[in-house]
Amino acid sequence: MENILIIFAFVLFVTAVIEIFGLFFHMPYSPTAPYVTVLPVFGNDLIFPERLEKLAIKSGGRSRIIIVYYSPDDMQKRLCEQFCMNNPDTVIVSSENLEKILSETFAIDEQM
């Protein structure tokens, strides 16, 4: 009876070690973030610099951000270009290309 308990404890221990190893060391890696932030840019947005600054603080430089140009002025374009240099996962698109970028990002079939 004592041998059966020892064997059972050993099997339980080995199973627990395998589960811990599988959970913590073989996590699937995905190069894309599970979410996307979309920031529309309109020319009459008076607080756009503050929005961009808050987004920079929130993102920490490593989140997928899509900046969509609807009617940006020159200052907003310069701010967005600077933001893209500091945040490598940021993409600037025109409003016409937004649907295409979102469908590629989320792997949505265009025939739906």
PDB file of N, CA and C in Angstrom:
ATOM      1  N   MET A   1       0.821  -1.192   0.000  1.00  0.00           N
ATOM      2  CA  MET A   1       0.000   0.000   0.000  1.00  0.00           C
ATOM      3  C   MET A   1       0.868   1.260   0.000  1.00  0.00           C
ATOM      4  N   GLU A   2       1.970   1.170   0.714  1.00  0.00           N
ATOM      5  CA  GLU A   2       2.872   2.308   0.800  1.00  0.00           C
ATOM      6  C   GLU A   2       3.521   2.599  -0.556  1.00  0.00           C
ATOM      7  N   ASN A   3       3.856   1.548  -1.312  1.00  0.00           N
ATOM      8  CA  ASN A   3       4.453   1.715  -2.636  1.00  0.00           C
ATOM      9  C   ASN A   3       3.464   2.369  -3.605  1.00  0.00           C
ATOM     10  N   ILE A   4       2.209   2.025  -3.484  1.00  0.00           N
ATOM     11  CA  ILE A   4       1.191   2.607  -4.365  1.00  0.00           C
ATOM     12  C   ILE A   4       1.069   4.107  -4.112  1.00  0.00           C
ATOM     13  N   LEU A   5       1.114   4.546  -2.875  1.00  0.00           N
ATOM     14  CA  LEU A   5       1.045   5.970  -2.535  1.00  0.00           C
ATOM     15  C   LEU A   5       2.263   6.722  -3.058  1.00  0.00           C
ATOM     16  N   ILE A   6       3.428   6.120  -2.965  1.00  0.00           N
ATOM     17  CA  ILE A   6       4.649   6.751  -3.462  1.00  0.00           C
ATOM     18  C   ILE A   6       4.585   6.897  -4.983  1.00  0.00           C
ATOM     19  N   ILE A   7       4.146   5.843  -5.668  1.00  0.00           N
ATOM     20  CA  ILE A   7       4.018   5.906  -7.132  1.00  0.00           C
ATOM     21  C   ILE A   7       2.979   6.946  -7.531  1.00  0.00           C
ATOM     22  N   PHE A   8       1.853   6.972  -6.841  1.00  0.00           N
ATOM     23  CA  PHE A   8       0.808   7.943  -7.121  1.00  0.00           C
ATOM     24  C   PHE A   8       1.310   9.378  -6.911  1.00  0.00           C
ATOM     25  N   ALA A   9       2.049   9.632  -5.828  1.00  0.00           N
ATOM     26  CA  ALA A   9       2.598  10.960  -5.550  1.00  0.00           C
ATOM     27  C   ALA A   9       3.600  11.356  -6.628  1.00  0.00           C
ATOM     28  N   PHE A  10       4.424  10.400  -7.074  1.00  0.00           N
ATOM     29  CA  PHE A  10       5.406  10.683  -8.121  1.00  0.00           C
ATOM     30  C   PHE A  10       4.715  11.041  -9.441  1.00  0.00           C
ATOM     31  N   VAL A  11       3.702  10.275  -9.821  1.00  0.00           N
ATOM     32  CA  VAL A  11       2.960  10.544 -11.056  1.00  0.00           C
ATOM     33  C   VAL A  11       2.264  11.907 -10.970  1.00  0.00           C
ATOM     34  N   LEU A  12       1.690  12.215  -9.816  1.00  0.00           N
ATOM     35  CA  LEU A  12       1.036  13.505  -9.622  1.00  0.00           C
ATOM     36  C   LEU A  12       2.038  14.651  -9.732  1.00  0.00           C
ATOM     37  N   PHE A  13       3.225  14.473  -9.163  1.00  0.00           N
ATOM     38  CA  PHE A  13       4.272  15.478  -9.227  1.00  0.00           C
ATOM     39  C   PHE A  13       4.736  15.709 -10.670  1.00  0.00           C
ATOM     40  N   VAL A  14       4.984  14.624 -11.397  1.00  0.00           N
ATOM     41  CA  VAL A  14       5.422  14.739 -12.797  1.00  0.00           C
ATOM     42  C   VAL A  14       4.354  15.423 -13.641  1.00  0.00           C
ATOM     43  N   THR A  15       3.096  15.099 -13.428  1.00  0.00           N
ATOM     44  CA  THR A  15       2.000  15.732 -14.166  1.00  0.00           C
ATOM     45  C   THR A  15       1.935  17.224 -13.880  1.00  0.00           C
ATOM     46  N   ALA A  16       2.107  17.597 -12.619  1.00  0.00           N
ATOM     47  CA  ALA A  16       2.078  19.018 -12.252  1.00  0.00           C
ATOM     48  C   ALA A  16       3.233  19.772 -12.889  1.00  0.00           C
ATOM     49  N   VAL A  17       4.418  19.181 -12.914  1.00  0.00           N
ATOM     50  CA  VAL A  17       5.585  19.823 -13.532  1.00  0.00           C
ATOM     51  C   VAL A  17       5.357  20.011 -15.029  1.00  0.00           C
ATOM     52  N   ILE A  18       4.796  19.016 -15.685  1.00  0.00           N
ATOM     53  CA  ILE A  18       4.520  19.117 -17.122  1.00  0.00           C
ATOM     54  C   ILE A  18       3.497  20.216 -17.395  1.00  0.00           C
ATOM     55  N   GLU A  19       2.463  20.312 -16.588  1.00  0.00           N
ATOM     56  CA  GLU A  19       1.459  21.365 -16.771  1.00  0.00           C
ATOM     57  C   GLU A  19       2.053  22.748 -16.565  1.00  0.00           C
ATOM     58  N   ILE A  20       2.859  22.928 -15.523  1.00  0.00           N
ATOM     59  CA  ILE A  20       3.485  24.227 -15.264  1.00  0.00           C
ATOM     60  C   ILE A  20       4.405  24.601 -16.416  1.00  0.00           C
ATOM     61  N   PHE A  21       5.182  23.657 -16.882  1.00  0.00           N
ATOM     62  CA  PHE A  21       6.072  23.920 -18.010  1.00  0.00           C
ATOM     63  C   PHE A  21       5.268  24.300 -19.256  1.00  0.00           C
ATOM     64  N   GLY A  22       4.199  23.592 -19.504  1.00  0.00           N
ATOM     65  CA  GLY A  22       3.365  23.888 -20.672  1.00  0.00           C
ATOM     66  C   GLY A  22       2.673  25.231 -20.581  1.00  0.00           C
ATOM     67  N   LEU A  23       2.239  25.623 -19.408  1.00  0.00           N
ATOM     68  CA  LEU A  23       1.535  26.895 -19.249  1.00  0.00           C
ATOM     69  C   LEU A  23       2.454  28.094 -19.341  1.00  0.00           C
ATOM     70  N   PHE A  24       3.622  28.013 -18.706  1.00  0.00           N
ATOM     71  CA  PHE A  24       4.463  29.193 -18.589  1.00  0.00           C
ATOM     72  C   PHE A  24       5.595  29.289 -19.593  1.00  0.00           C
ATOM     73  N   PHE A  25       6.007  28.209 -20.175  1.00  0.00           N
ATOM     74  CA  PHE A  25       7.142  28.264 -21.068  1.00  0.00           C
ATOM     75  C   PHE A  25       6.796  28.028 -22.534  1.00  0.00           C
ATOM     76  N   HIS A  26       5.620  27.570 -22.821  1.00  0.00           N
ATOM     77  CA  HIS A  26       5.215  27.344 -24.199  1.00  0.00           C
ATOM     78  C   HIS A  26       3.966  28.137 -24.534  1.00  0.00           C
ATOM     79  N   MET A  27       3.929  29.390 -24.096  1.00  0.00           N
ATOM     80  CA  MET A  27       2.800  30.251 -24.418  1.00  0.00           C
ATOM     81  C   MET A  27       2.884  30.608 -25.906  1.00  0.00           C
ATOM     82  N   PRO A  28       1.787  30.587 -26.612  1.00  0.00           N
ATOM     83  CA  PRO A  28       1.838  30.946 -28.030  1.00  0.00           C
ATOM     84  C   PRO A  28       2.187  32.419 -28.183  1.00  0.00           C
ATOM     85  N   TYR A  29       3.051  32.720 -29.134  1.00  0.00           N
ATOM     86  CA  TYR A  29       3.477  34.084 -29.383  1.00  0.00           C
ATOM     87  C   TYR A  29       2.800  34.600 -30.642  1.00  0.00           C
ATOM     88  N   SER A  30       2.231  35.754 -30.534  1.00  0.00           N
ATOM     89  CA  SER A  30       1.608  36.391 -31.686  1.00  0.00           C
ATOM     90  C   SER A  30       2.260  37.752 -31.884  1.00  0.00           C
ATOM     91  N   PRO A  31       2.795  38.033 -33.074  1.00  0.00           N
ATOM     92  CA  PRO A  31       3.470  39.315 -33.282  1.00  0.00           C
ATOM     93  C   PRO A  31       2.502  40.495 -33.328  1.00  0.00           C
ATOM     94  N   THR A  32       1.229  40.247 -33.514  1.00  0.00           N
ATOM     95  CA  THR A  32       0.276  41.341 -33.555  1.00  0.00           C
ATOM     96  C   THR A  32      -0.412  41.491 -32.210  1.00  0.00           C
ATOM     97  N   ALA A  33      -0.734  42.699 -31.881  1.00  0.00           N
ATOM     98  CA  ALA A  33      -1.435  42.956 -30.633  1.00  0.00           C
ATOM     99  C   ALA A  33      -2.879  42.508 -30.757  1.00  0.00           C
ATOM    100  N   PRO A  34      -3.505  42.104 -29.648  1.00  0.00           N
ATOM    101  CA  PRO A  34      -4.884  41.638 -29.715  1.00  0.00           C
ATOM    102  C   PRO A  34      -5.890  42.770 -29.865  1.00  0.00           C
ATOM    103  N   TYR A  35      -5.442  43.993 -29.884  1.00  0.00           N
ATOM    104  CA  TYR A  35      -6.345  45.116 -30.040  1.00  0.00           C
ATOM    105  C   TYR A  35      -5.680  46.183 -30.898  1.00  0.00           C
ATOM    106  N   VAL A  36      -6.473  47.092 -31.397  1.00  0.00           N
ATOM    107  CA  VAL A  36      -5.992  48.183 -32.230  1.00  0.00           C
ATOM    108  C   VAL A  36      -6.662  49.459 -31.760  1.00  0.00           C
ATOM    109  N   THR A  37      -5.900  50.536 -31.685  1.00  0.00           N
ATOM    110  CA  THR A  37      -6.448  51.844 -31.363  1.00  0.00           C
ATOM    111  C   THR A  37      -6.517  52.647 -32.652  1.00  0.00           C
ATOM    112  N   VAL A  38      -7.683  53.210 -32.930  1.00  0.00           N
ATOM    113  CA  VAL A  38      -7.870  54.019 -34.131  1.00  0.00           C
ATOM    114  C   VAL A  38      -8.067  55.469 -33.694  1.00  0.00           C
ATOM    115  N   LEU A  39      -7.232  56.354 -34.226  1.00  0.00           N
ATOM    116  CA  LEU A  39      -7.308  57.781 -33.900  1.00  0.00           C
ATOM    117  C   LEU A  39      -7.653  58.562 -35.160  1.00  0.00           C
ATOM    118  N   PRO A  40      -8.875  59.089 -35.264  1.00  0.00           N
ATOM    119  CA  PRO A  40      -9.217  59.909 -36.424  1.00  0.00           C
ATOM    120  C   PRO A  40      -8.645  61.319 -36.269  1.00  0.00           C
ATOM    121  N   VAL A  41      -8.219  61.908 -37.384  1.00  0.00           N
ATOM    122  CA  VAL A  41      -7.633  63.244 -37.361  1.00  0.00           C
ATOM    123  C   VAL A  41      -8.504  64.166 -38.203  1.00  0.00           C
ATOM    124  N   PHE A  42      -9.129  65.143 -37.526  1.00  0.00           N
ATOM    125  CA  PHE A  42      -9.950  66.151 -38.189  1.00  0.00           C
ATOM    126  C   PHE A  42      -9.296  67.510 -38.020  1.00  0.00           C
ATOM    127  N   GLY A  43      -9.390  68.351 -39.027  1.00  0.00           N
ATOM    128  CA  GLY A  43      -8.747  69.662 -39.007  1.00  0.00           C
ATOM    129  C   GLY A  43      -9.269  70.592 -37.935  1.00  0.00           C
ATOM    130  N   ASN A  44     -10.514  70.470 -37.548  1.00  0.00           N
ATOM    131  CA  ASN A  44     -11.085  71.388 -36.565  1.00  0.00           C
ATOM    132  C   ASN A  44     -10.956  70.890 -35.128  1.00  0.00           C
ATOM    133  N   ASP A  45     -10.153  69.866 -34.879  1.00  0.00           N
ATOM    134  CA  ASP A  45      -9.954  69.316 -33.537  1.00  0.00           C
ATOM    135  C   ASP A  45      -8.937  70.182 -32.800  1.00  0.00           C
ATOM    136  N   LEU A  46      -9.416  71.003 -31.879  1.00  0.00           N
ATOM    137  CA  LEU A  46      -8.541  71.945 -31.181  1.00  0.00           C
ATOM    138  C   LEU A  46      -7.683  71.283 -30.109  1.00  0.00           C
ATOM    139  N   ILE A  47      -8.098  70.144 -29.607  1.00  0.00           N
ATOM    140  CA  ILE A  47      -7.326  69.479 -28.553  1.00  0.00           C
ATOM    141  C   ILE A  47      -6.592  68.234 -29.078  1.00  0.00           C
ATOM    142  N   PHE A  48      -6.322  68.207 -30.368  1.00  0.00           N
ATOM    143  CA  PHE A  48      -5.638  67.058 -30.959  1.00  0.00           C
ATOM    144  C   PHE A  48      -4.264  66.804 -30.333  1.00  0.00           C
ATOM    145  N   PRO A  49      -3.441  67.829 -30.085  1.00  0.00           N
ATOM    146  CA  PRO A  49      -2.140  67.542 -29.456  1.00  0.00           C
ATOM    147  C   PRO A  49      -2.273  66.853 -28.099  1.00  0.00           C
ATOM    148  N   GLU A  50      -3.277  67.233 -27.315  1.00  0.00           N
ATOM    149  CA  GLU A  50      -3.492  66.584 -26.019  1.00  0.00           C
ATOM    150  C   GLU A  50      -3.941  65.132 -26.200  1.00  0.00           C
ATOM    151  N   ARG A  51      -4.785  64.887 -27.198  1.00  0.00           N
ATOM    152  CA  ARG A  51      -5.220  63.508 -27.477  1.00  0.00           C
ATOM    153  C   ARG A  51      -4.028  62.630 -27.850  1.00  0.00           C
ATOM    154  N   LEU A  52      -3.179  63.165 -28.702  1.00  0.00           N
ATOM    155  CA  LEU A  52      -2.007  62.416 -29.150  1.00  0.00           C
ATOM    156  C   LEU A  52      -1.050  62.156 -27.985  1.00  0.00           C
ATOM    157  N   GLU A  53      -0.895  63.136 -27.111  1.00  0.00           N
ATOM    158  CA  GLU A  53      -0.019  62.966 -25.951  1.00  0.00           C
ATOM    159  C   GLU A  53      -0.566  61.904 -24.988  1.00  0.00           C
ATOM    160  N   LYS A  54      -1.868  61.924 -24.736  1.00  0.00           N
ATOM    161  CA  LYS A  54      -2.469  60.914 -23.865  1.00  0.00           C
ATOM    162  C   LYS A  54      -2.346  59.524 -24.474  1.00  0.00           C
ATOM    163  N   LEU A  55      -2.504  59.436 -25.794  1.00  0.00           N
ATOM    164  CA  LEU A  55      -2.351  58.152 -26.485  1.00  0.00           C
ATOM    165  C   LEU A  55      -0.919  57.649 -26.376  1.00  0.00           C
ATOM    166  N   ALA A  56       0.051  58.552 -26.477  1.00  0.00           N
ATOM    167  CA  ALA A  56       1.460  58.159 -26.346  1.00  0.00           C
ATOM    168  C   ALA A  56       1.748  57.639 -24.953  1.00  0.00           C
ATOM    169  N   ILE A  57       1.184  58.268 -23.941  1.00  0.00           N
ATOM    170  CA  ILE A  57       1.398  57.814 -22.568  1.00  0.00           C
ATOM    171  C   ILE A  57       0.738  56.458 -22.351  1.00  0.00           C
ATOM    172  N   LYS A  58      -0.483  56.302 -22.858  1.00  0.00           N
ATOM    173  CA  LYS A  58      -1.226  55.049 -22.678  1.00  0.00           C
ATOM    174  C   LYS A  58      -0.575  53.886 -23.407  1.00  0.00           C
ATOM    175  N   SER A  59      -0.083  54.140 -24.608  1.00  0.00           N
ATOM    176  CA  SER A  59       0.456  53.045 -25.418  1.00  0.00           C
ATOM    177  C   SER A  59       1.823  52.590 -24.947  1.00  0.00           C
ATOM    178  N   GLY A  60       2.592  53.464 -24.365  1.00  0.00           N
ATOM    179  CA  GLY A  60       3.928  53.073 -23.913  1.00  0.00           C
ATOM    180  C   GLY A  60       4.866  52.749 -25.061  1.00  0.00           C
ATOM    181  N   GLY A  61       4.518  53.122 -26.275  1.00  0.00           N
ATOM    182  CA  GLY A  61       5.374  52.898 -27.432  1.00  0.00           C
ATOM    183  C   GLY A  61       5.231  51.552 -28.095  1.00  0.00           C
ATOM    184  N   ARG A  62       4.436  50.622 -27.549  1.00  0.00           N
ATOM    185  CA  ARG A  62       4.327  49.296 -28.145  1.00  0.00           C
ATOM    186  C   ARG A  62       2.895  48.808 -28.212  1.00  0.00           C
ATOM    187  N   SER A  63       2.048  49.522 -28.907  1.00  0.00           N
ATOM    188  CA  SER A  63       0.711  49.008 -29.186  1.00  0.00           C
ATOM    189  C   SER A  63       0.337  49.415 -30.601  1.00  0.00           C
ATOM    190  N   ARG A  64      -0.530  48.677 -31.199  1.00  0.00           N
ATOM    191  CA  ARG A  64      -0.920  48.897 -32.597  1.00  0.00           C
ATOM    192  C   ARG A  64      -1.866  50.080 -32.653  1.00  0.00           C
ATOM    193  N   ILE A  65      -1.448  51.141 -33.327  1.00  0.00           N
ATOM    194  CA  ILE A  65      -2.246  52.358 -33.447  1.00  0.00           C
ATOM    195  C   ILE A  65      -2.392  52.683 -34.927  1.00  0.00           C
ATOM    196  N   ILE A  66      -3.622  52.982 -35.327  1.00  0.00           N
ATOM    197  CA  ILE A  66      -3.892  53.412 -36.699  1.00  0.00           C
ATOM    198  C   ILE A  66      -4.380  54.848 -36.638  1.00  0.00           C
ATOM    199  N   ILE A  67      -3.631  55.753 -37.259  1.00  0.00           N
ATOM    200  CA  ILE A  67      -4.034  57.158 -37.349  1.00  0.00           C
ATOM    201  C   ILE A  67      -4.690  57.348 -38.700  1.00  0.00           C
ATOM    202  N   VAL A  68      -5.928  57.830 -38.685  1.00  0.00           N
ATOM    203  CA  VAL A  68      -6.701  57.973 -39.923  1.00  0.00           C
ATOM    204  C   VAL A  68      -6.827  59.446 -40.264  1.00  0.00           C
ATOM    205  N   TYR A  69      -6.317  59.815 -41.430  1.00  0.00           N
ATOM    206  CA  TYR A  69      -6.425  61.199 -41.907  1.00  0.00           C
ATOM    207  C   TYR A  69      -7.790  61.407 -42.556  1.00  0.00           C
ATOM    208  N   TYR A  70      -8.603  62.266 -41.971  1.00  0.00           N
ATOM    209  CA  TYR A  70      -9.855  62.689 -42.593  1.00  0.00           C
ATOM    210  C   TYR A  70      -9.680  64.081 -43.203  1.00  0.00           C
ATOM    211  N   SER A  71      -9.265  65.041 -42.396  1.00  0.00           N
ATOM    212  CA  SER A  71      -9.003  66.390 -42.901  1.00  0.00           C
ATOM    213  C   SER A  71      -7.953  67.067 -42.027  1.00  0.00           C
ATOM    214  N   PRO A  72      -6.727  66.524 -41.990  1.00  0.00           N
ATOM    215  CA  PRO A  72      -5.709  67.087 -41.096  1.00  0.00           C
ATOM    216  C   PRO A  72      -5.107  68.374 -41.655  1.00  0.00           C
ATOM    217  N   ASP A  73      -4.692  69.268 -40.740  1.00  0.00           N
ATOM    218  CA  ASP A  73      -3.935  70.438 -41.185  1.00  0.00           C
ATOM    219  C   ASP A  73      -2.443  70.104 -41.103  1.00  0.00           C
ATOM    220  N   ASP A  74      -1.584  71.039 -41.488  1.00  0.00           N
ATOM    221  CA  ASP A  74      -0.145  70.769 -41.549  1.00  0.00           C
ATOM    222  C   ASP A  74       0.456  70.466 -40.179  1.00  0.00           C
ATOM    223  N   MET A  75       0.005  71.178 -39.139  1.00  0.00           N
ATOM    224  CA  MET A  75       0.524  70.940 -37.800  1.00  0.00           C
ATOM    225  C   MET A  75       0.177  69.524 -37.327  1.00  0.00           C
ATOM    226  N   GLN A  76      -1.049  69.092 -37.591  1.00  0.00           N
ATOM    227  CA  GLN A  76      -1.463  67.752 -37.197  1.00  0.00           C
ATOM    228  C   GLN A  76      -0.665  66.686 -37.943  1.00  0.00           C
ATOM    229  N   LYS A  77      -0.387  66.917 -39.211  1.00  0.00           N
ATOM    230  CA  LYS A  77       0.423  65.968 -39.974  1.00  0.00           C
ATOM    231  C   LYS A  77       1.829  65.848 -39.399  1.00  0.00           C
ATOM    232  N   ARG A  78       2.434  66.988 -39.031  1.00  0.00           N
ATOM    233  CA  ARG A  78       3.770  66.951 -38.436  1.00  0.00           C
ATOM    234  C   ARG A  78       3.765  66.204 -37.104  1.00  0.00           C
ATOM    235  N   LEU A  79       2.742  66.469 -36.286  1.00  0.00           N
ATOM    236  CA  LEU A  79       2.635  65.771 -34.997  1.00  0.00           C
ATOM    237  C   LEU A  79       2.477  64.269 -35.196  1.00  0.00           C
ATOM    238  N   CYS A  80       1.669  63.870 -36.171  1.00  0.00           N
ATOM    239  CA  CYS A  80       1.451  62.443 -36.435  1.00  0.00           C
ATOM    240  C   CYS A  80       2.720  61.772 -36.945  1.00  0.00           C
ATOM    241  N   GLU A  81       3.458  62.451 -37.806  1.00  0.00           N
ATOM    242  CA  GLU A  81       4.705  61.881 -38.320  1.00  0.00           C
ATOM    243  C   GLU A  81       5.729  61.713 -37.207  1.00  0.00           C
ATOM    244  N   GLN A  82       5.798  62.697 -36.301  1.00  0.00           N
ATOM    245  CA  GLN A  82       6.698  62.591 -35.157  1.00  0.00           C
ATOM    246  C   GLN A  82       6.269  61.438 -34.243  1.00  0.00           C
ATOM    247  N   PHE A  83       4.963  61.312 -34.048  1.00  0.00           N
ATOM    248  CA  PHE A  83       4.433  60.227 -33.229  1.00  0.00           C
ATOM    249  C   PHE A  83       4.807  58.877 -33.825  1.00  0.00           C
ATOM    250  N   CYS A  84       4.734  58.748 -35.149  1.00  0.00           N
ATOM    251  CA  CYS A  84       5.083  57.491 -35.825  1.00  0.00           C
ATOM    252  C   CYS A  84       6.558  57.147 -35.660  1.00  0.00           C
ATOM    253  N   MET A  85       7.418  58.161 -35.648  1.00  0.00           N
ATOM    254  CA  MET A  85       8.844  57.892 -35.451  1.00  0.00           C
ATOM    255  C   MET A  85       9.110  57.353 -34.049  1.00  0.00           C
ATOM    256  N   ASN A  86       8.345  57.816 -33.068  1.00  0.00           N
ATOM    257  CA  ASN A  86       8.551  57.382 -31.686  1.00  0.00           C
ATOM    258  C   ASN A  86       7.812  56.089 -31.352  1.00  0.00           C
ATOM    259  N   ASN A  87       6.816  55.729 -32.145  1.00  0.00           N
ATOM    260  CA  ASN A  87       6.009  54.528 -31.906  1.00  0.00           C
ATOM    261  C   ASN A  87       6.041  53.654 -33.158  1.00  0.00           C
ATOM    262  N   PRO A  88       6.880  52.632 -33.176  1.00  0.00           N
ATOM    263  CA  PRO A  88       7.089  51.847 -34.398  1.00  0.00           C
ATOM    264  C   PRO A  88       5.878  51.047 -34.872  1.00  0.00           C
ATOM    265  N   ASP A  89       4.889  50.820 -34.023  1.00  0.00           N
ATOM    266  CA  ASP A  89       3.717  50.037 -34.413  1.00  0.00           C
ATOM    267  C   ASP A  89       2.569  50.908 -34.919  1.00  0.00           C
ATOM    268  N   THR A  90       2.841  52.175 -35.164  1.00  0.00           N
ATOM    269  CA  THR A  90       1.808  53.106 -35.609  1.00  0.00           C
ATOM    270  C   THR A  90       1.795  53.191 -37.125  1.00  0.00           C
ATOM    271  N   VAL A  91       0.583  53.249 -37.689  1.00  0.00           N
ATOM    272  CA  VAL A  91       0.401  53.348 -39.131  1.00  0.00           C
ATOM    273  C   VAL A  91      -0.498  54.557 -39.410  1.00  0.00           C
ATOM    274  N   ILE A  92      -0.137  55.337 -40.426  1.00  0.00           N
ATOM    275  CA  ILE A  92      -0.988  56.450 -40.854  1.00  0.00           C
ATOM    276  C   ILE A  92      -1.645  56.052 -42.168  1.00  0.00           C
ATOM    277  N   VAL A  93      -2.976  56.158 -42.221  1.00  0.00           N
ATOM    278  CA  VAL A  93      -3.710  55.810 -43.439  1.00  0.00           C
ATOM    279  C   VAL A  93      -4.705  56.913 -43.757  1.00  0.00           C
ATOM    280  N   SER A  94      -5.132  56.933 -45.004  1.00  0.00           N
ATOM    281  CA  SER A  94      -6.203  57.842 -45.393  1.00  0.00           C
ATOM    282  C   SER A  94      -7.544  57.197 -45.053  1.00  0.00           C
ATOM    283  N   SER A  95      -8.571  57.994 -45.034  1.00  0.00           N
ATOM    284  CA  SER A  95      -9.889  57.458 -44.664  1.00  0.00           C
ATOM    285  C   SER A  95     -10.378  56.419 -45.676  1.00  0.00           C
ATOM    286  N   GLU A  96      -9.935  56.522 -46.916  1.00  0.00           N
ATOM    287  CA  GLU A  96     -10.348  55.564 -47.938  1.00  0.00           C
ATOM    288  C   GLU A  96      -9.736  54.182 -47.714  1.00  0.00           C
ATOM    289  N   ASN A  97      -8.551  54.131 -47.104  1.00  0.00           N
ATOM    290  CA  ASN A  97      -7.849  52.857 -46.901  1.00  0.00           C
ATOM    291  C   ASN A  97      -8.109  52.232 -45.541  1.00  0.00           C
ATOM    292  N   LEU A  98      -8.931  52.860 -44.701  1.00  0.00           N
ATOM    293  CA  LEU A  98      -9.161  52.352 -43.353  1.00  0.00           C
ATOM    294  C   LEU A  98      -9.788  50.960 -43.370  1.00  0.00           C
ATOM    295  N   GLU A  99     -10.789  50.751 -44.198  1.00  0.00           N
ATOM    296  CA  GLU A  99     -11.462  49.446 -44.236  1.00  0.00           C
ATOM    297  C   GLU A  99     -10.491  48.347 -44.639  1.00  0.00           C
ATOM    298  N   LYS A 100      -9.631  48.629 -45.602  1.00  0.00           N
ATOM    299  CA  LYS A 100      -8.659  47.636 -46.055  1.00  0.00           C
ATOM    300  C   LYS A 100      -7.674  47.290 -44.943  1.00  0.00           C
ATOM    301  N   ILE A 101      -7.175  48.289 -44.238  1.00  0.00           N
ATOM    302  CA  ILE A 101      -6.220  48.056 -43.152  1.00  0.00           C
ATOM    303  C   ILE A 101      -6.871  47.266 -42.023  1.00  0.00           C
ATOM    304  N   LEU A 102      -8.104  47.610 -41.660  1.00  0.00           N
ATOM    305  CA  LEU A 102      -8.790  46.885 -40.588  1.00  0.00           C
ATOM    306  C   LEU A 102      -9.072  45.442 -40.974  1.00  0.00           C
ATOM    307  N   SER A 103      -9.452  45.215 -42.236  1.00  0.00           N
ATOM    308  CA  SER A 103      -9.715  43.839 -42.655  1.00  0.00           C
ATOM    309  C   SER A 103      -8.425  43.015 -42.668  1.00  0.00           C
ATOM    310  N   GLU A 104      -7.294  43.625 -43.013  1.00  0.00           N
ATOM    311  CA  GLU A 104      -6.020  42.911 -42.962  1.00  0.00           C
ATOM    312  C   GLU A 104      -5.591  42.660 -41.518  1.00  0.00           C
ATOM    313  N   THR A 105      -5.822  43.636 -40.653  1.00  0.00           N
ATOM    314  CA  THR A 105      -5.411  43.520 -39.262  1.00  0.00           C
ATOM    315  C   THR A 105      -6.164  42.411 -38.545  1.00  0.00           C
ATOM    316  N   PHE A 106      -7.465  42.331 -38.773  1.00  0.00           N
ATOM    317  CA  PHE A 106      -8.276  41.354 -38.079  1.00  0.00           C
ATOM    318  C   PHE A 106      -8.584  40.129 -38.934  1.00  0.00           C
ATOM    319  N   ALA A 107      -7.950  39.999 -40.087  1.00  0.00           N
ATOM    320  CA  ALA A 107      -8.094  38.857 -40.981  1.00  0.00           C
ATOM    321  C   ALA A 107      -9.550  38.614 -41.342  1.00  0.00           C
ATOM    322  N   ILE A 108     -10.223  39.689 -41.745  1.00  0.00           N
ATOM    323  CA  ILE A 108     -11.622  39.597 -42.153  1.00  0.00           C
ATOM    324  C   ILE A 108     -11.658  39.403 -43.659  1.00  0.00           C
ATOM    325  N   ASP A 109     -12.428  38.449 -44.090  1.00  0.00           N
ATOM    326  CA  ASP A 109     -12.587  38.191 -45.518  1.00  0.00           C
ATOM    327  C   ASP A 109     -13.414  39.317 -46.132  1.00  0.00           C
ATOM    328  N   GLU A 110     -12.956  39.887 -47.235  1.00  0.00           N
ATOM    329  CA  GLU A 110     -13.638  41.014 -47.851  1.00  0.00           C
ATOM    330  C   GLU A 110     -14.945  40.620 -48.531  1.00  0.00           C
ATOM    331  N   GLN A 111     -15.207  39.317 -48.724  1.00  0.00           N
ATOM    332  CA  GLN A 111     -16.439  38.881 -49.389  1.00  0.00           C
ATOM    333  C   GLN A 111     -17.618  38.801 -48.436  1.00  0.00           C
ATOM    334  N   MET A 112     -17.417  39.062 -47.172  1.00  0.00           N
ATOM    335  CA  MET A 112     -18.492  38.942 -46.175  1.00  0.00           C
ATOM    336  C   MET A 112     -19.554  39.961 -46.404  1.00  0.00           C
TER     337      MET A 112
END
